[in-house]
Amino acid sequence: MRDYEEALCAYVTPLVPAVCHVILLADRGFGAVRFFRFLDGLGWDWVIRGNGNILVRWKNAWRPICLLDSMMTSCWR
């Protein structure tokens, strides 16, 4: 993650009216844990595209994110 992206978000934050809810939509180039934590610290929500080989913690195990769709579908039925 490049510092100027965080600087831009930090600059914009006080300009956003308090009644607004910020959701950052970004491509996989922004997919860094450091940036996720930074956005969380700003109180922003985010949707960032990633690769299918990203691992997520689900049901006490690390799993490829590409498998979650089938696991969640069977879970909710």
Protein backbone atom coordinates (compact mmCIF):
# COMPACT_ATOMS: atom_id res chain seq x y z
CA MET A 1 0.00 0.00 0.00
CA ARG A 2 1.26 3.41 -0.86
CA ASP A 3 1.16 6.18 1.74
CA TYR A 4 -0.52 8.69 -0.58
CA GLU A 5 -3.68 6.55 -0.76
CA GLU A 6 -3.98 6.63 3.01
CA ALA A 7 -3.20 10.37 2.96
CA LEU A 8 -6.02 10.99 0.48
CA CYS A 9 -8.53 9.07 2.59
CA ALA A 10 -7.40 10.91 5.72
CA TYR A 11 -7.77 14.23 3.89
CA VAL A 12 -11.27 13.41 2.65
CA THR A 13 -12.59 12.08 5.98
CA PRO A 14 -13.26 15.45 7.66
CA LEU A 15 -14.88 16.73 4.46
CA VAL A 16 -17.57 14.04 4.53
CA PRO A 17 -20.73 15.16 6.36
CA ALA A 18 -21.36 13.22 9.58
CA VAL A 19 -24.71 11.98 8.23
CA CYS A 20 -22.95 10.18 5.37
CA HIS A 21 -21.79 6.58 5.50
CA VAL A 22 -18.60 6.03 3.51
CA ILE A 23 -18.13 2.79 1.58
CA LEU A 24 -14.90 2.58 -0.42
CA LEU A 25 -15.12 0.44 -3.55
CA ALA A 26 -11.69 -0.51 -4.90
CA ASP A 27 -9.81 -2.92 -7.10
CA ARG A 28 -7.40 -5.60 -5.88
CA GLY A 29 -4.47 -3.16 -5.95
CA PHE A 30 -5.83 -1.80 -2.68
CA GLY A 31 -6.07 -5.25 -1.10
CA ALA A 32 -3.56 -4.90 1.73
CA VAL A 33 -4.27 -5.72 5.37
CA ARG A 34 -2.63 -2.47 6.44
CA PHE A 35 -5.11 -0.53 4.28
CA PHE A 36 -8.09 -2.53 5.60
CA ARG A 37 -7.10 -1.67 9.16
CA PHE A 38 -6.56 1.96 8.22
CA LEU A 39 -10.05 2.20 6.69
CA ASP A 40 -11.55 0.49 9.73
CA GLY A 41 -9.83 3.11 11.89
CA LEU A 42 -11.50 5.86 9.85
CA GLY A 43 -14.86 4.21 10.42
CA TRP A 44 -15.27 3.51 6.71
CA ASP A 45 -16.71 0.35 5.24
CA TRP A 46 -15.02 -1.10 2.20
CA VAL A 47 -15.52 -3.52 -0.67
CA ILE A 48 -12.23 -4.46 -2.29
CA ARG A 49 -11.91 -7.04 -5.04
CA GLY A 50 -9.41 -9.79 -4.42
CA ASN A 51 -8.07 -13.00 -5.91
CA GLY A 52 -9.61 -16.40 -5.22
CA ASN A 53 -6.50 -17.51 -3.35
CA ILE A 54 -7.10 -15.14 -0.43
CA LEU A 55 -7.48 -17.04 2.84
CA VAL A 56 -10.20 -16.12 5.35
CA ARG A 57 -10.85 -17.49 8.81
CA TRP A 58 -14.22 -19.28 8.90
CA LYS A 59 -15.42 -21.89 11.40
CA ASN A 60 -12.02 -22.05 13.12
CA ALA A 61 -10.09 -22.82 9.93
CA TRP A 62 -8.29 -20.88 7.21
CA ARG A 63 -10.06 -21.42 3.88
CA PRO A 64 -9.67 -20.05 0.33
CA ILE A 65 -12.24 -17.32 -0.20
CA CYS A 66 -13.26 -18.90 -3.51
CA LEU A 67 -14.78 -21.82 -1.54
CA LEU A 68 -16.92 -19.69 0.76
CA ASP A 69 -19.74 -19.24 -1.72
CA SER A 70 -20.57 -22.95 -1.74
CA MET A 71 -20.05 -23.24 2.02
CA MET A 72 -22.27 -20.26 2.80
CA THR A 73 -25.01 -21.41 0.40
CA SER A 74 -25.28 -24.78 2.14
CA CYS A 75 -25.03 -23.07 5.53
CA TRP A 76 -28.01 -20.78 4.91
CA ARG A 77 -30.35 -23.36 3.43
